[in-house]
Protein backbone atom coordinates (compact mmCIF):
# COMPACT_ATOMS: atom_id res chain seq x y z
CA MET A 1 -0.27 -0.10 -0.04
CA THR A 2 1.37 3.47 -1.12
CA THR A 3 1.27 6.46 1.73
CA LYS A 4 1.33 10.06 1.63
CA SER A 5 2.42 10.47 4.95
CA LEU A 6 5.64 13.00 6.05
CA ASP A 7 6.21 10.84 8.68
CA PRO A 8 9.96 9.16 8.30
CA THR A 9 10.02 5.45 6.78
CA ASP A 10 12.82 4.94 8.90
CA TRP A 11 12.06 5.74 12.46
CA ASP A 12 15.34 4.58 14.05
CA ALA A 13 17.21 6.32 11.81
CA PHE A 14 14.89 9.41 12.60
CA ARG A 15 15.45 8.72 16.07
CA GLY A 16 19.37 8.69 15.74
CA GLN A 17 19.27 11.75 14.20
CA ALA A 18 16.98 13.29 16.42
CA HIS A 19 18.85 12.45 19.38
CA ARG A 20 22.24 14.20 17.12
CA MET A 21 20.11 17.54 17.01
CA LEU A 22 19.06 17.45 20.66
CA ASP A 23 22.57 16.76 22.08
CA ASP A 24 23.85 19.62 19.94
CA MET A 25 21.37 22.07 21.52
CA ILE A 26 22.74 20.86 24.89
CA ASP A 27 25.82 21.15 24.31
CA TYR A 28 25.14 24.85 22.91
CA LEU A 29 23.53 26.08 26.70
CA ALA A 30 26.09 23.99 28.30
CA GLN A 31 29.27 25.77 26.04
CA ILE A 32 27.54 28.77 25.69
CA ARG A 33 30.28 30.82 27.37
CA GLU A 34 33.06 29.44 24.84
CA ARG A 35 30.99 31.16 22.25
CA PRO A 36 31.10 34.81 21.69
CA VAL A 37 27.41 37.08 22.55
CA TRP A 38 26.74 38.04 19.18
CA GLN A 39 29.29 38.06 15.50
CA PRO A 40 28.36 39.82 12.92
CA ILE A 41 27.20 37.93 9.59
CA PRO A 42 28.94 37.60 6.51
CA ASP A 43 27.27 37.99 3.06
CA THR A 44 28.74 34.29 2.74
CA VAL A 45 26.14 32.89 5.46
CA ARG A 46 23.35 35.76 4.53
CA GLU A 47 23.42 33.71 1.07
CA GLN A 48 23.11 30.35 1.99
CA LEU A 49 19.29 31.57 3.28
CA ARG A 50 18.37 33.19 -0.39
CA ALA A 51 18.00 29.69 -1.98
CA PRO A 52 15.39 29.63 -4.01
CA LEU A 53 11.78 27.57 -2.68
CA PRO A 54 12.47 23.66 -2.94
CA VAL A 55 11.13 21.22 -4.80
CA PRO A 56 12.52 18.22 -4.33
CA PRO A 57 12.72 16.73 -0.72
CA SER A 58 16.26 16.55 0.65
CA SER A 59 17.09 15.33 4.30
CA LEU A 60 16.78 16.27 7.31
CA GLU A 61 20.75 16.03 8.40
CA ASP A 62 21.50 18.88 5.70
CA ALA A 63 18.33 21.31 7.31
CA HIS A 64 20.23 20.50 10.48
CA ASN A 65 23.89 21.00 9.44
CA THR A 66 22.41 24.14 8.37
CA PHE A 67 21.17 25.01 10.95
CA MET A 68 24.24 24.46 13.01
CA HIS A 69 26.61 26.74 10.81
CA ALA A 70 24.74 29.00 9.05
CA ILE A 71 21.93 30.05 11.81
CA LEU A 72 22.91 29.32 15.52
CA PRO A 73 26.02 31.39 15.72
CA TYR A 74 24.35 33.79 14.36
CA SER A 75 21.08 34.59 16.91
CA VAL A 76 20.85 37.61 18.78
CA GLY A 77 22.73 35.80 21.38
CA ASN A 78 20.20 36.11 24.67
CA ALA A 79 20.98 32.86 25.76
CA HIS A 80 24.45 33.63 26.79
CA PRO A 81 25.22 35.32 30.01
CA GLY A 82 26.93 38.65 28.33
CA PHE A 83 23.87 39.52 26.89
CA MET A 84 22.46 42.49 28.48
CA GLY A 85 20.98 44.39 25.25
CA TRP A 86 17.22 44.40 25.74
CA VAL A 87 15.36 43.01 28.34
CA HIS A 88 15.53 39.11 26.73
CA GLY A 89 15.47 36.10 28.71
CA GLY A 90 17.85 33.50 28.54
CA GLY A 91 15.48 30.31 28.57
CA THR A 92 16.31 27.28 30.13
CA PRO A 93 17.60 23.49 28.96
CA VAL A 94 13.93 22.68 30.99
CA GLY A 95 12.03 24.93 28.96
CA MET A 96 13.62 24.25 25.87
CA LEU A 97 12.27 20.37 26.69
CA ALA A 98 9.05 21.47 27.25
CA GLU A 99 8.61 23.06 23.88
CA MET A 100 9.64 20.00 22.39
CA LEU A 101 6.92 17.80 23.91
CA ALA A 102 4.28 20.67 23.06
CA GLY A 103 5.61 20.62 19.49
CA GLY A 104 5.39 16.73 19.19
CA LEU A 105 1.62 17.44 20.95
CA ASN A 106 0.88 19.67 18.22
CA ALA A 107 -2.13 20.92 20.43
CA ASN A 108 -4.22 24.05 19.15
CA LEU A 109 -5.57 25.57 22.82
CA GLY A 110 -8.10 27.59 21.04
CA GLY A 111 -11.02 25.54 22.52
CA ARG A 112 -12.39 21.96 23.09
CA ASP A 113 -12.06 19.79 26.21
CA GLN A 114 -8.69 18.77 26.32
CA MET A 115 -5.77 18.83 29.22
CA PRO A 116 -3.41 20.91 27.98
CA ILE A 117 -6.34 23.72 28.24
CA GLU A 118 -6.29 22.45 32.05
CA VAL A 119 -2.31 23.16 32.23
CA GLU A 120 -3.50 26.96 30.71
CA ARG A 121 -5.82 26.94 33.43
CA GLN A 122 -3.59 25.58 35.81
CA VAL A 123 -0.77 28.36 35.20
CA LEU A 124 -4.10 31.32 35.40
CA GLN A 125 -4.52 29.58 39.26
CA TRP A 126 -1.20 30.09 39.61
CA VAL A 127 -1.00 34.21 38.51
CA ARG A 128 -3.98 34.69 40.21
CA GLU A 129 -2.44 33.55 43.65
CA LEU A 130 0.53 35.42 42.64
CA PHE A 131 -0.94 38.76 42.23
CA GLY A 132 -3.84 37.91 44.55
CA PHE A 133 -6.31 38.26 42.05
CA PRO A 134 -10.03 36.39 43.04
CA ASP A 135 -10.66 33.23 41.07
CA SER A 136 -12.86 35.01 38.93
CA ALA A 137 -10.14 36.77 37.20
CA SER A 138 -9.58 35.47 34.12
CA GLY A 139 -6.20 35.24 32.03
CA ILE A 140 -4.70 33.52 28.62
CA PHE A 141 -0.97 33.13 27.27
CA VAL A 142 -0.44 35.81 23.96
CA THR A 143 2.89 36.42 22.09
CA GLY A 144 3.74 38.94 24.87
CA THR A 145 3.20 42.06 26.47
CA SER A 146 2.57 43.62 23.58
CA MET A 147 -0.30 41.83 22.59
CA ALA A 148 -1.11 41.32 26.66
CA ASN A 149 -1.57 45.40 26.69
CA LEU A 150 -3.70 45.38 23.61
CA ILE A 151 -6.22 43.23 25.28
CA SER A 152 -6.85 45.30 28.33
CA LEU A 153 -7.24 47.97 26.36
CA LEU A 154 -9.82 46.87 24.21
CA VAL A 155 -11.61 45.20 27.47
CA ALA A 156 -11.52 48.51 29.23
CA ARG A 157 -12.98 50.20 26.19
CA THR A 158 -15.77 47.71 25.92
CA ALA A 159 -16.20 48.07 29.81
CA THR A 160 -16.48 52.25 29.44
CA LEU A 161 -18.58 52.28 25.86
CA GLY A 162 -20.94 49.16 26.31
CA GLU A 163 -21.18 45.70 24.79
CA ASP A 164 -22.40 48.09 21.27
CA VAL A 165 -19.16 49.41 20.76
CA ARG A 166 -17.99 46.17 19.24
CA GLN A 167 -21.04 46.34 16.94
CA ASN A 168 -21.48 50.14 15.97
CA GLY A 169 -17.42 50.80 16.13
CA ILE A 170 -15.99 54.11 18.90
CA ASP A 171 -18.12 57.36 16.85
CA ALA A 172 -21.51 55.56 17.38
CA ALA A 173 -20.91 56.08 21.10
CA GLY A 174 -20.53 60.01 20.60
CA ARG A 175 -18.02 59.74 23.49
CA LYS A 176 -13.87 60.99 23.11
CA LEU A 177 -12.04 58.53 25.61
CA VAL A 178 -8.41 59.19 26.58
CA ALA A 179 -5.75 57.06 28.35
CA TYR A 180 -2.68 58.04 30.37
CA ALA A 181 0.39 56.52 30.75
CA SER A 182 3.84 57.62 31.52
CA GLU A 183 6.36 59.39 28.85
CA ALA A 184 8.47 56.20 29.74
CA ALA A 185 5.67 53.82 28.61
CA HIS A 186 6.41 51.45 26.11
CA SER A 187 5.61 52.50 22.86
CA CYS A 188 3.35 49.04 22.27
CA ILE A 189 0.96 51.33 24.22
CA SER A 190 0.43 53.76 21.90
CA LYS A 191 0.32 51.22 19.27
CA ALA A 192 -2.40 49.50 21.25
CA MET A 193 -4.47 52.99 20.96
CA ASP A 194 -4.13 53.05 17.07
CA PHE A 195 -4.97 49.80 16.78
CA CYS A 196 -8.37 49.95 19.25
CA GLY A 197 -9.37 53.07 16.28
CA LEU A 198 -9.13 55.47 19.80
CA GLY A 199 -5.92 56.92 17.81
CA THR A 200 -2.77 58.39 19.30
CA ASP A 201 -3.45 61.46 20.34
CA ALA A 202 -6.04 59.94 22.92
CA LEU A 203 -2.97 58.67 25.24
CA ARG A 204 -1.66 61.32 27.35
CA ARG A 205 2.02 60.74 28.13
CA ILE A 206 2.76 61.89 31.58
CA PRO A 207 6.54 63.71 32.43
CA LEU A 208 8.42 61.77 34.70
CA ASP A 209 9.67 62.80 38.52
CA ALA A 210 13.29 62.76 39.35
CA GLN A 211 13.24 58.82 40.33
CA GLN A 212 12.01 58.14 36.55
CA ARG A 213 8.31 57.50 37.82
CA LEU A 214 5.08 59.00 36.25
CA ASP A 215 4.51 62.26 38.13
CA THR A 216 1.52 61.48 39.69
CA GLN A 217 0.62 65.40 40.38
CA ARG A 218 0.42 65.94 36.49
CA LEU A 219 -1.63 63.09 36.23
CA ARG A 220 -3.98 64.42 38.41
CA ARG A 221 -3.77 67.97 36.52
CA ALA A 222 -3.87 66.29 33.35
CA ILE A 223 -7.40 64.12 34.10
CA GLY A 224 -8.80 67.50 35.36
CA GLU A 225 -8.18 69.41 32.40
CA ASP A 226 -9.51 66.59 29.63
CA ARG A 227 -12.82 66.24 31.53
CA ALA A 228 -12.89 70.19 31.63
CA ARG A 229 -12.83 69.72 28.09
CA GLY A 230 -15.70 67.03 27.96
CA LEU A 231 -13.18 64.47 27.17
CA VAL A 232 -13.58 60.94 28.94
CA PRO A 233 -10.82 59.48 30.79
CA PHE A 234 -11.15 55.94 31.26
CA TYR A 235 -8.10 53.91 31.11
CA LEU A 236 -4.69 54.60 33.60
CA VAL A 237 -1.18 52.63 33.17
CA GLY A 238 0.86 52.30 35.85
CA THR A 239 4.32 50.99 34.98
CA ALA A 240 6.59 47.84 36.57
CA GLY A 241 9.83 47.89 35.30
CA THR A 242 10.18 50.69 31.93
CA VAL A 243 12.22 49.86 29.59
CA ASP A 244 14.72 52.40 29.91
CA THR A 245 15.97 52.45 33.39
CA GLY A 246 13.66 49.98 34.86
CA ALA A 247 11.48 51.95 37.56
CA ILE A 248 8.42 51.19 39.14
CA ASP A 249 5.53 53.80 38.78
CA ASP A 250 3.96 54.55 42.40
CA LEU A 251 1.22 51.62 41.84
CA GLU A 252 -0.28 52.29 45.21
CA THR A 253 -0.75 55.71 44.36
CA LEU A 254 -1.94 55.20 40.81
CA ALA A 255 -4.45 52.66 41.98
CA ASP A 256 -5.83 55.56 44.65
CA ILE A 257 -6.26 57.90 41.31
CA ALA A 258 -7.59 55.37 39.23
CA ARG A 259 -10.15 54.56 41.86
CA GLN A 260 -10.94 58.11 42.23
CA GLU A 261 -11.05 59.08 39.15
CA LYS A 262 -13.04 55.41 37.75
CA LEU A 263 -10.61 54.50 35.61
CA TRP A 264 -9.60 51.01 34.41
CA PHE A 265 -6.06 50.33 36.19
CA HIS A 266 -3.59 48.48 34.04
CA VAL A 267 -0.35 47.51 34.77
CA ASP A 268 2.16 47.13 32.29
CA GLY A 269 4.78 44.59 33.71
CA ALA A 270 6.27 43.12 30.83
CA PHE A 271 9.26 42.03 32.73
CA GLY A 272 9.55 43.32 36.17
CA ALA A 273 5.93 42.39 37.43
CA LEU A 274 7.52 38.75 38.08
CA GLY A 275 9.42 41.02 40.36
CA VAL A 276 7.22 39.87 43.06
CA LEU A 277 8.49 36.38 42.77
CA ALA A 278 11.35 37.69 45.43
CA PRO A 279 10.18 38.86 48.48
CA SER A 280 13.06 41.17 48.88
CA LEU A 281 11.63 43.05 46.15
CA ALA A 282 7.63 42.30 45.90
CA PRO A 283 7.38 45.32 48.40
CA ARG A 284 8.39 47.43 45.39
CA PHE A 285 5.38 46.70 43.68
CA LYS A 286 2.73 47.23 46.45
CA GLY A 287 -0.58 48.29 44.92
CA ILE A 288 -0.01 45.98 41.54
CA GLU A 289 -2.71 43.66 43.21
CA ARG A 290 -5.42 46.29 43.08
CA ALA A 291 -4.81 46.81 39.22
CA ASP A 292 -7.72 45.87 37.03
CA SER A 293 -5.44 44.32 34.54
CA ILE A 294 -1.80 42.87 34.76
CA ALA A 295 0.63 42.07 31.53
CA PHE A 296 3.71 40.36 31.63
CA ASP A 297 6.24 38.54 29.89
CA PHE A 298 7.26 34.43 31.28
CA HIS A 299 10.04 34.64 28.65
CA LYS A 300 11.68 37.53 30.18
CA TRP A 301 12.49 37.36 34.11
CA GLY A 302 10.61 33.95 34.11
CA GLN A 303 12.94 32.80 31.69
CA VAL A 304 10.27 30.73 29.67
CA PRO A 305 11.41 30.24 26.03
CA TYR A 306 10.21 32.74 23.71
CA ASP A 307 7.28 33.39 22.96
CA ALA A 308 5.14 33.53 26.46
CA GLY A 309 3.25 36.33 27.02
CA PHE A 310 0.48 36.75 29.80
CA ILE A 311 -2.49 38.67 30.04
CA LEU A 312 -4.73 38.81 33.71
CA ILE A 313 -8.08 40.58 34.00
CA ARG A 314 -9.81 41.04 37.64
CA ASP A 315 -13.24 40.90 35.67
CA GLY A 316 -13.54 37.40 34.06
CA GLU A 317 -16.58 38.17 32.44
CA GLN A 318 -16.24 41.31 30.81
CA HIS A 319 -13.32 39.97 29.91
CA ARG A 320 -15.15 37.30 27.99
CA ARG A 321 -17.88 40.00 26.68
CA THR A 322 -15.23 41.76 24.67
CA PHE A 323 -13.80 38.87 22.84
CA THR A 324 -16.81 36.47 22.71
CA THR A 325 -17.94 35.55 19.10
CA PRO A 326 -20.86 32.70 18.26
CA ALA A 327 -19.95 30.63 15.34
CA ALA A 328 -21.85 27.60 14.30
CA TYR A 329 -18.79 25.43 13.26
CA LEU A 330 -17.56 26.68 16.82
CA SER A 331 -20.89 25.88 19.29
CA ARG A 332 -20.12 24.04 22.39
CA GLU A 333 -21.83 20.83 24.05
CA SER A 334 -22.26 19.44 27.63
CA GLN A 335 -20.51 16.44 26.80
CA GLY A 336 -17.84 15.64 24.18
CA LEU A 337 -14.87 16.95 22.20
CA ALA A 338 -16.62 20.26 22.13
CA ALA A 339 -17.19 20.22 26.17
CA GLY A 340 -15.58 22.66 28.22
CA SER A 341 -16.67 26.08 27.48
CA PRO A 342 -15.91 29.14 27.76
CA TRP A 343 -12.72 28.41 25.90
CA PRO A 344 -9.19 30.54 25.46
CA CYS A 345 -11.08 31.73 22.47
CA ASP A 346 -13.23 33.92 24.31
CA PHE A 347 -10.60 35.44 25.73
CA GLY A 348 -8.56 37.07 23.01
CA PRO A 349 -8.44 37.46 19.08
CA ASP A 350 -6.52 34.17 18.47
CA LEU A 351 -8.66 30.75 17.50
CA SER A 352 -5.26 28.77 16.46
CA ARG A 353 -3.14 29.11 19.66
CA GLY A 354 -0.38 26.70 20.54
CA PHE A 355 0.43 25.15 23.59
CA ARG A 356 2.59 27.74 25.25
CA ALA A 357 1.37 27.39 28.49
CA LEU A 358 3.58 24.02 29.08
CA LYS A 359 6.78 25.08 29.46
CA ALA A 360 5.97 27.98 31.56
CA TRP A 361 4.00 25.18 33.56
CA PHE A 362 7.53 23.08 33.21
CA THR A 363 9.41 25.84 34.26
CA LEU A 364 7.30 26.70 37.64
CA LYS A 365 6.56 22.88 38.26
CA VAL A 366 10.58 22.36 37.94
CA TYR A 367 11.96 25.63 39.33
CA GLY A 368 9.78 26.94 42.10
CA THR A 369 8.66 29.98 42.98
CA ARG A 370 11.25 30.43 45.83
CA GLN A 371 14.20 29.96 43.44
CA LEU A 372 12.85 31.52 40.55
CA GLY A 373 12.72 34.67 43.27
CA GLU A 374 16.02 33.72 43.96
CA MET A 375 17.20 34.31 40.69
CA ILE A 376 15.33 37.09 40.16
CA ALA A 377 17.07 39.08 43.26
CA ASN A 378 20.10 38.20 41.90
CA THR A 379 19.97 39.91 38.78
CA CYS A 380 19.03 43.25 40.81
CA ASP A 381 22.11 42.66 43.17
CA LEU A 382 24.60 42.55 39.90
CA ALA A 383 23.00 45.67 38.54
CA ARG A 384 23.83 47.62 42.21
CA TYR A 385 27.33 45.82 41.83
CA LEU A 386 27.67 47.63 37.53
CA ALA A 387 26.38 50.89 39.20
CA GLU A 388 28.77 50.95 41.96
CA ARG A 389 31.34 49.88 39.56
CA VAL A 390 30.56 52.65 37.10
CA GLU A 391 30.38 55.27 40.14
CA ASN A 392 34.28 54.45 41.44
CA GLU A 393 34.98 54.46 37.88
CA PRO A 394 36.03 58.00 37.02
CA LYS A 395 36.08 57.42 32.79
CA LEU A 396 32.18 56.69 33.24
CA GLU A 397 29.30 58.05 34.59
CA LEU A 398 25.63 56.89 35.66
CA LEU A 399 22.53 58.24 33.94
CA ALA A 400 19.76 56.72 36.20
CA PRO A 401 19.21 55.77 39.58
CA VAL A 402 18.99 51.57 39.08
CA SER A 403 15.64 50.79 40.47
CA LEU A 404 15.56 47.14 39.52
CA ASN A 405 18.38 45.49 36.74
CA VAL A 406 19.21 48.13 34.29
CA VAL A 407 22.14 50.47 34.67
CA CYS A 408 22.26 53.23 32.02
CA PHE A 409 25.72 54.72 31.99
CA ARG A 410 28.46 56.39 29.22
CA TYR A 411 31.98 56.78 28.78
CA ARG A 412 33.16 60.35 29.04
CA GLY A 413 34.86 61.90 26.54
CA GLU A 414 34.61 64.55 23.42
CA ASP A 415 30.92 64.57 21.71
CA MET A 416 29.67 61.72 24.44
CA ASP A 417 26.36 61.30 22.15
CA ASN A 418 28.48 59.72 19.60
CA LEU A 419 30.99 58.34 21.28
CA ASN A 420 29.02 55.96 23.42
CA ARG A 421 26.56 54.76 20.09
CA ALA A 422 30.07 53.97 19.00
CA LEU A 423 31.30 52.11 22.17
CA ALA A 424 28.45 50.16 21.87
CA VAL A 425 28.35 48.77 18.74
CA ALA A 426 32.04 48.46 19.34
CA LEU A 427 31.10 46.09 22.99
CA GLN A 428 28.69 43.63 20.58
CA GLU A 429 31.17 43.00 17.46
CA SER A 430 33.38 42.55 20.18
CA GLY A 431 31.47 39.13 21.17
CA VAL A 432 32.20 39.93 24.92
CA ALA A 433 29.14 41.68 25.96
CA ALA A 434 26.08 43.08 24.08
CA PRO A 435 24.26 46.13 25.77
CA SER A 436 21.99 48.57 23.91
CA THR A 437 21.52 51.98 23.85
CA THR A 438 18.47 54.56 25.33
CA THR A 439 18.33 58.22 25.07
CA LEU A 440 17.66 59.98 28.67
CA ASN A 441 16.96 63.82 29.13
CA GLY A 442 18.20 64.10 25.66
CA ARG A 443 21.49 62.24 26.29
CA ILE A 444 22.71 58.96 24.64
CA ALA A 445 23.28 56.35 27.55
CA ILE A 446 24.72 52.86 27.26
CA ARG A 447 22.00 50.53 28.67
CA ALA A 448 22.77 47.39 30.25
CA ALA A 449 19.95 45.14 31.17
CA ILE A 450 20.39 42.21 33.62
CA VAL A 451 18.10 39.72 32.75
CA ASN A 452 19.92 36.50 32.12
CA HIS A 453 19.94 33.74 35.42
CA ARG A 454 23.50 32.78 33.75
CA THR A 455 25.33 36.12 34.19
CA ASN A 456 27.43 36.36 37.15
CA THR A 457 29.62 39.24 38.38
CA GLY A 458 32.47 37.77 35.86
CA ASP A 459 30.44 38.70 33.18
CA ILE A 460 29.92 42.47 34.49
CA ASP A 461 33.41 42.74 35.33
CA ASN A 462 34.38 41.59 31.62
CA LEU A 463 31.86 44.60 30.02
CA LEU A 464 33.37 47.08 32.40
CA GLU A 465 36.57 46.30 30.91
CA ALA A 466 35.53 46.04 27.34
CA THR A 467 33.81 49.51 27.84
CA LEU A 468 37.09 50.80 29.23
CA ALA A 469 39.25 49.18 26.56
CA LEU A 470 37.20 50.23 23.89
CA GLY A 471 36.24 53.76 24.77
CA ALA A 472 39.83 54.45 25.33
CA LYS A 473 40.68 52.95 21.82
CA LEU A 474 37.88 55.14 20.33
CA THR A 475 38.80 58.30 22.32
CA GLN A 476 42.40 58.10 21.13
CA PHE A 477 41.45 57.39 17.23
CA SER A 478 39.29 61.09 17.62
CA ASP A 479 41.64 62.82 19.25
CA THR A 480 44.10 61.77 16.26
CA GLU A 481 41.66 62.29 14.04
CA THR A 482 41.19 65.90 15.58
CA THR A 483 45.35 66.79 15.47
CA HIS A 484 45.16 65.43 12.04
CA ASP A 485 42.63 68.18 11.15
CA CYS A 486 44.41 70.30 12.49
C-alpha cells in the first residue's frame, strides 16, 4: 500500500538524527560561554538563506547542518550571559525540552475539551495567587506584553462604552476617550491606542519625576483638564519596570487615583511584574494587586523560552464579553470534544493557539517560585554591583537611578553621544558583551539590562573592562583624527 504520509520511513534513523539534534542544543547551552555573545553575519552566510523555494525533498541531516553552521552561530545571543542589550530572558534547558514536548503534541489551544487547556488554566490559577487576584479573574497566554496590553485596552474600552461598541464602533458612542501613561511607557501602549481605533493622540504621555516614574501630580492635573474639555478619561497605565531604566511607577498612588477618577487601572509589567516572586523586591510593587489588569512576559524574567506573554483580567466576565463571538462551527456541548466552555478563544483574538502554557508550567513546576525569586533578586544585585563599579570609575558616568536590573551609563569624552553610540556597537561586535543604547534627558546612554539567569559578577567585570578598553581606543582614535584635521 502506498502512503503520502510525511512521517519518516525509517523511524530508527530518524531517532538517531533527532538525538544528535538534541545533543547539539544541549552542548550549545552547556558551552555557551565559549561563544561570542553576538557576531556580525558574513554575506556568504546570508546567501545560504537566499535559495529559491525547494521542490524536491532533502534530508533532515542537511537541514540540521545548515542550522548549526548558518543559523545557530548568528542568533541575537540572549542565551549568553553577556547579553545585556534588551530585556530578553535567557531560556532554560527545562523550557527547551517542554517546547519539544509541546511541538510533538501539536495541540491547538483555541478550545475544546482537552488537558492542555487545563494546563493553561492551572497556570492561570497560579498567576491569580501570585498577584492576589480573585478566582473569578481570567487570563490567557499571548505572544507577549504588546498583545496583552492591547487586550487590556480593548476590555477597558468595552467596559466603558458598552458591548455595542463591538458592533457600532467607537464613533457611534459619541464620547471621546482618553488614556494616560508615563513618558517612559512602552511604545506598544501608543500602538494599542491606534489598533483599537482611539488614536495615538488620545494617549496622554505624563512627564516623569526625579525617580523616572510617572509624576502623579501632573497626572491629576491632566485628568482634570481633560474632564473640563468634555473628554472621558477611562484608562490609566502604570509601568512596573520601565524599558529605559527599570523604574517602577508608584502603583499604590496610581491605584488610588484610578479608583477616585473611575479609571481602568492597568499595569504593564512586561518584565518587572514577576519581581513579586522575590521577597526582597515584592514590597516595591505594592498596589499591583489592585490593578484591573496586568500584562507580563514569562519569557523575560521568568526565563521561559519565547514566546510566552500573559494577560490577567480581574473581571473575567467583562473579559469574555469583549471577545466571545458565536459561530456555528464553534458550537459548544455539555459532553464530548466540544465541551469545556468557555474556551480560550473567548478571551482573545486568536482561535489557533499553540501550547505556550506547557513551558511555563514546566518552569514553575521544576524550579518553583522560591528559586525563580532568588534568581530575579540576583539580577538586581548584579545591577547594583555594576552601578557601584561605574560610580567608582572616573571614566564612566551613571545616568539614572538603578531601580531594578537596568543600568544606564556612559563613557566620558568629547562628543559623548556619538562616542557612546560607537562604543555600544564596538562592544557588541567584540563578542564580549552586548548592551544597547537609549536616550535619557537628551543624552545617549549605554544600557545594560541584566535579565539572564546565567550572568554573574565575572560577566559584569568583562563588560566594564571591555567598555574601558574600547572607550579608550575610540577616544584615542578621535583625538588622532582631530589632530590630523588641524
